[in-house]
C-alpha atoms as a PDB file:
ATOM      1  CA  UNK A   1      28.490   0.147  19.986  1.00  0.00           C
ATOM      2  CA  UNK A   2      25.590  -2.137  19.087  1.00  0.00           C
ATOM      3  CA  UNK A   3      22.092  -0.692  18.932  1.00  0.00           C
ATOM      4  CA  UNK A   4      19.336  -3.165  19.683  1.00  0.00           C
ATOM      5  CA  UNK A   5      15.905  -3.113  18.039  1.00  0.00           C
ATOM      6  CA  UNK A   6      13.290  -5.334  19.637  1.00  0.00           C
ATOM      7  CA  UNK A   7      10.674  -7.071  17.541  1.00  0.00           C
ATOM      8  CA  UNK A   8       7.955  -9.531  18.467  1.00  0.00           C
ATOM      9  CA  UNK A   9       6.164 -12.627  17.288  1.00  0.00           C
ATOM     10  CA  UNK A  10       3.174 -11.760  15.140  1.00  0.00           C
ATOM     11  CA  UNK A  11       0.734 -13.591  12.890  1.00  0.00           C
ATOM     12  CA  UNK A  12       0.682 -12.974   9.155  1.00  0.00           C
ATOM     13  CA  UNK A  13      -1.077 -14.427   6.155  1.00  0.00           C
ATOM     14  CA  UNK A  14      -3.100 -17.594   6.019  1.00  0.00           C
ATOM     15  CA  UNK A  15      -1.479 -20.013   8.477  1.00  0.00           C
ATOM     16  CA  UNK A  16      -1.504 -17.534  11.367  1.00  0.00           C
ATOM     17  CA  UNK A  17       1.627 -19.209  12.784  1.00  0.00           C
ATOM     18  CA  UNK A  18       3.586 -16.682  14.858  1.00  0.00           C
ATOM     19  CA  UNK A  19       6.632 -15.353  13.023  1.00  0.00           C
ATOM     20  CA  UNK A  20       9.306 -12.761  13.847  1.00  0.00           C
ATOM     21  CA  UNK A  21       8.287  -9.220  12.999  1.00  0.00           C
ATOM     22  CA  UNK A  22       9.394  -5.670  13.614  1.00  0.00           C
ATOM     23  CA  UNK A  23       7.515  -2.393  13.342  1.00  0.00           C
ATOM     24  CA  UNK A  24       9.288   0.241  11.230  1.00  0.00           C
ATOM     25  CA  UNK A  25       8.379   3.731  10.034  1.00  0.00           C
ATOM     26  CA  UNK A  26       8.763   3.661   6.247  1.00  0.00           C
ATOM     27  CA  UNK A  27       9.133   7.019   4.450  1.00  0.00           C
ATOM     28  CA  UNK A  28       9.249   7.563   0.676  1.00  0.00           C
ATOM     29  CA  UNK A  29      10.568  11.089   0.169  1.00  0.00           C
ATOM     30  CA  UNK A  30       9.638  11.412  -3.540  1.00  0.00           C
ATOM     31  CA  UNK A  31       5.926  11.177  -2.751  1.00  0.00           C
ATOM     32  CA  UNK A  32       6.188  12.594   0.789  1.00  0.00           C
ATOM     33  CA  UNK A  33       4.538   9.501   2.247  1.00  0.00           C
ATOM     34  CA  UNK A  34       5.328   7.747   5.509  1.00  0.00           C
ATOM     35  CA  UNK A  35       3.587   5.169   7.665  1.00  0.00           C
ATOM     36  CA  UNK A  36       4.247   2.529  10.305  1.00  0.00           C
ATOM     37  CA  UNK A  37       4.555  -0.948   8.803  1.00  0.00           C
ATOM     38  CA  UNK A  38       4.764  -4.355  10.479  1.00  0.00           C
ATOM     39  CA  UNK A  39       7.452  -6.230   8.559  1.00  0.00           C
ATOM     40  CA  UNK A  40       7.771  -9.993   8.634  1.00  0.00           C
ATOM     41  CA  UNK A  41      11.482 -10.726   9.098  1.00  0.00           C
ATOM     42  CA  UNK A  42      12.324 -12.959   6.134  1.00  0.00           C
ATOM     43  CA  UNK A  43      15.838 -14.369   5.756  1.00  0.00           C
ATOM     44  CA  UNK A  44      14.791 -15.785   2.371  1.00  0.00           C
ATOM     45  CA  UNK A  45      13.890 -12.393   0.879  1.00  0.00           C
ATOM     46  CA  UNK A  46      16.762 -10.626  -0.853  1.00  0.00           C
ATOM     47  CA  UNK A  47      15.239  -7.174  -0.409  1.00  0.00           C
ATOM     48  CA  UNK A  48      12.775  -5.315   1.757  1.00  0.00           C
ATOM     49  CA  UNK A  49       9.374  -4.858   0.159  1.00  0.00           C
ATOM     50  CA  UNK A  50       5.875  -3.595   0.820  1.00  0.00           C
ATOM     51  CA  UNK A  51       2.954  -5.866   0.111  1.00  0.00           C
ATOM     52  CA  UNK A  52      -0.739  -5.868   0.895  1.00  0.00           C
ATOM     53  CA  UNK A  53      -2.671  -2.734   1.801  1.00  0.00           C
ATOM     54  CA  UNK A  54       0.500  -0.645   2.162  1.00  0.00           C
ATOM     55  CA  UNK A  55       1.471  -1.378  -1.458  1.00  0.00           C
ATOM     56  CA  UNK A  56      -2.085  -1.153  -2.782  1.00  0.00           C
ATOM     57  CA  UNK A  57      -2.526   2.372  -1.396  1.00  0.00           C
ATOM     58  CA  UNK A  58       0.623   3.588  -3.205  1.00  0.00           C
ATOM     59  CA  UNK A  59      -0.210   2.312  -6.708  1.00  0.00           C
ATOM     60  CA  UNK A  60      -1.294   5.680  -8.127  1.00  0.00           C
ATOM     61  CA  UNK A  61       2.048   7.253  -7.124  1.00  0.00           C
ATOM     62  CA  UNK A  62       4.311   4.625  -8.680  1.00  0.00           C
ATOM     63  CA  UNK A  63       6.387   5.170 -11.825  1.00  0.00           C
ATOM     64  CA  UNK A  64       6.063   2.463 -14.464  1.00  0.00           C
ATOM     65  CA  UNK A  65       9.717   2.857 -15.520  1.00  0.00           C
ATOM     66  CA  UNK A  66      10.834   1.757 -12.039  1.00  0.00           C
ATOM     67  CA  UNK A  67       9.182  -1.667 -12.289  1.00  0.00           C
ATOM     68  CA  UNK A  68      11.208  -4.864 -12.284  1.00  0.00           C
ATOM     69  CA  UNK A  69      10.021  -8.442 -12.229  1.00  0.00           C
ATOM     70  CA  UNK A  70      11.137 -11.257  -9.997  1.00  0.00           C
ATOM     71  CA  UNK A  71      10.105 -14.812  -9.348  1.00  0.00           C
ATOM     72  CA  UNK A  72       8.917 -15.740  -5.874  1.00  0.00           C
ATOM     73  CA  UNK A  73       7.345 -18.696  -4.180  1.00  0.00           C
ATOM     74  CA  UNK A  74       6.309 -21.454  -6.617  1.00  0.00           C
ATOM     75  CA  UNK A  75       7.997 -19.530  -9.439  1.00  0.00           C
ATOM     76  CA  UNK A  76       5.227 -16.939  -9.600  1.00  0.00           C
ATOM     77  CA  UNK A  77       6.199 -13.793 -11.506  1.00  0.00           C
ATOM     78  CA  UNK A  78       5.713 -10.612  -9.465  1.00  0.00           C
ATOM     79  CA  UNK A  79       6.197  -6.987 -10.430  1.00  0.00           C
ATOM     80  CA  UNK A  80       7.731  -4.486  -8.023  1.00  0.00           C
ATOM     81  CA  UNK A  81       8.119  -0.757  -8.302  1.00  0.00           C
ATOM     82  CA  UNK A  82      11.368   0.472  -6.753  1.00  0.00           C
ATOM     83  CA  UNK A  83      11.710   3.630  -4.694  1.00  0.00           C
ATOM     84  CA  UNK A  84      14.373   5.042  -2.403  1.00  0.00           C
ATOM     85  CA  UNK A  85      13.008   4.882   1.125  1.00  0.00           C
ATOM     86  CA  UNK A  86      14.067   5.658   4.662  1.00  0.00           C
ATOM     87  CA  UNK A  87      13.371   3.029   7.301  1.00  0.00           C
ATOM     88  CA  UNK A  88      13.245   4.340  10.865  1.00  0.00           C
ATOM     89  CA  UNK A  89      13.557   1.718  13.564  1.00  0.00           C
ATOM     90  CA  UNK A  90      13.235   2.477  17.291  1.00  0.00           C
ATOM     91  CA  UNK A  91      16.109   1.110  19.352  1.00  0.00           C
ATOM     92  CA  UNK A  92      15.765  -0.167  22.917  1.00  0.00           C
ATOM     93  CA  UNK A  93      16.466   3.347  24.236  1.00  0.00           C
ATOM     94  CA  UNK A  94      13.652   4.842  22.136  1.00  0.00           C
ATOM     95  CA  UNK A  95      16.076   6.531  19.727  1.00  0.00           C
ATOM     96  CA  UNK A  96      15.544   6.439  15.949  1.00  0.00           C
ATOM     97  CA  UNK A  97      17.820   4.212  13.892  1.00  0.00           C
ATOM     98  CA  UNK A  98      17.810   5.230  10.216  1.00  0.00           C
ATOM     99  CA  UNK A  99      18.548   3.078   7.182  1.00  0.00           C
ATOM    100  CA  UNK A 100      18.206   4.165   3.533  1.00  0.00           C
ATOM    101  CA  UNK A 101      17.220   1.397   1.135  1.00  0.00           C
ATOM    102  CA  UNK A 102      15.734   0.717  -2.262  1.00  0.00           C
ATOM    103  CA  UNK A 103      12.245  -0.485  -1.375  1.00  0.00           C
ATOM    104  CA  UNK A 104      10.254  -2.873  -3.542  1.00  0.00           C
ATOM    105  CA  UNK A 105       6.538  -2.053  -3.727  1.00  0.00           C
ATOM    106  CA  UNK A 106       4.246  -4.803  -4.990  1.00  0.00           C
ATOM    107  CA  UNK A 107       2.516  -4.074  -8.292  1.00  0.00           C
ATOM    108  CA  UNK A 108      -1.223  -4.664  -8.436  1.00  0.00           C
ATOM    109  CA  UNK A 109      -2.319  -5.521 -11.970  1.00  0.00           C
ATOM    110  CA  UNK A 110      -5.797  -5.587 -13.510  1.00  0.00           C
ATOM    111  CA  UNK A 111      -5.710  -9.352 -12.940  1.00  0.00           C
ATOM    112  CA  UNK A 112      -5.406  -8.735  -9.188  1.00  0.00           C
ATOM    113  CA  UNK A 113      -7.939  -5.931  -8.970  1.00  0.00           C
ATOM    114  CA  UNK A 114     -10.611  -7.593 -11.137  1.00  0.00           C
ATOM    115  CA  UNK A 115     -10.514 -10.935  -9.323  1.00  0.00           C
ATOM    116  CA  UNK A 116     -11.875 -10.797  -5.770  1.00  0.00           C
ATOM    117  CA  UNK A 117      -9.944 -13.868  -4.592  1.00  0.00           C
ATOM    118  CA  UNK A 118      -6.660 -12.737  -6.167  1.00  0.00           C
ATOM    119  CA  UNK A 119      -7.100  -9.275  -4.619  1.00  0.00           C
ATOM    120  CA  UNK A 120      -7.856 -10.749  -1.190  1.00  0.00           C
ATOM    121  CA  UNK A 121      -4.786 -13.009  -1.435  1.00  0.00           C
ATOM    122  CA  UNK A 122      -2.547 -10.067  -2.412  1.00  0.00           C
ATOM    123  CA  UNK A 123      -3.913  -7.824   0.327  1.00  0.00           C
ATOM    124  CA  UNK A 124      -3.157 -10.551   2.902  1.00  0.00           C
ATOM    125  CA  UNK A 125       0.539 -10.761   1.951  1.00  0.00           C
ATOM    126  CA  UNK A 126       2.875  -9.398   4.622  1.00  0.00           C
ATOM    127  CA  UNK A 127       5.520  -6.780   3.981  1.00  0.00           C
ATOM    128  CA  UNK A 128       9.001  -8.309   4.202  1.00  0.00           C
ATOM    129  CA  UNK A 129      12.198  -7.127   5.855  1.00  0.00           C
ATOM    130  CA  UNK A 130      14.859  -8.810   3.735  1.00  0.00           C
ATOM    131  CA  UNK A 131      18.564  -9.495   3.621  1.00  0.00           C
ATOM    132  CA  UNK A 132      19.377  -5.963   2.433  1.00  0.00           C
ATOM    133  CA  UNK A 133      18.806  -5.046   6.109  1.00  0.00           C
ATOM    134  CA  UNK A 134      19.408  -8.398   7.821  1.00  0.00           C
ATOM    135  CA  UNK A 135      22.928  -8.762   6.375  1.00  0.00           C
ATOM    136  CA  UNK A 136      23.859  -5.538   8.203  1.00  0.00           C
ATOM    137  CA  UNK A 137      22.760  -6.630  11.665  1.00  0.00           C
ATOM    138  CA  UNK A 138      22.765  -9.582  14.026  1.00  0.00           C
ATOM    139  CA  UNK A 139      19.303 -11.183  14.087  1.00  0.00           C
ATOM    140  CA  UNK A 140      18.148 -13.276  17.052  1.00  0.00           C
ATOM    141  CA  UNK A 141      14.878 -15.175  17.145  1.00  0.00           C
ATOM    142  CA  UNK A 142      13.500 -17.555  19.771  1.00  0.00           C
ATOM    143  CA  UNK A 143       9.920 -18.601  20.445  1.00  0.00           C
ATOM    144  CA  UNK A 144      10.256 -19.607  24.131  1.00  0.00           C
ATOM    145  CA  UNK A 145      10.979 -17.343  25.769  1.00  0.00           C
ATOM    146  CA  UNK A 146       9.939 -14.957  23.021  1.00  0.00           C
ATOM    147  CA  UNK A 147      12.906 -12.990  21.735  1.00  0.00           C
ATOM    148  CA  UNK A 148      13.142 -11.096  18.464  1.00  0.00           C
ATOM    149  CA  UNK A 149      16.068  -8.690  18.195  1.00  0.00           C
ATOM    150  CA  UNK A 150      18.048  -6.942  15.517  1.00  0.00           C
ATOM    151  CA  UNK A 151      21.418  -5.613  16.728  1.00  0.00           C
ATOM    152  CA  UNK A 152      22.970  -2.966  14.469  1.00  0.00           C
ATOM    153  CA  UNK A 153      26.531  -1.586  14.545  1.00  0.00           C
END
């Protein structure tokens, strides 16, 4: 039986062009922290990751030995802390749909924090729902009429 999660079009970042998004409760058991996060659905992202304010607020809880580096847009090098996390989606019947993942959490360096423009740019970055989740569901996205759905087995 397929379970359907409904998303919506939302604006993120600088261009403010509507993009597919879904709201998910993200819980990191190790630090006993959970919050609702609006994730931009990104078929180009290999993994799901927290950016912006959500990541900034978790910096003091992150373990330096969990950091890995990747190269993103324009070849920019970015550090991510990795934590096991539970993602709780709400299906179309209001029931929780649970997925356990390894979540990337954006690293904020002194370069980010000590430069007002760099900090503002980082805080504006959306959290991304990546292919680690999208490869396990059927994703539908249309702008007119608006339709954003994730159908899970």
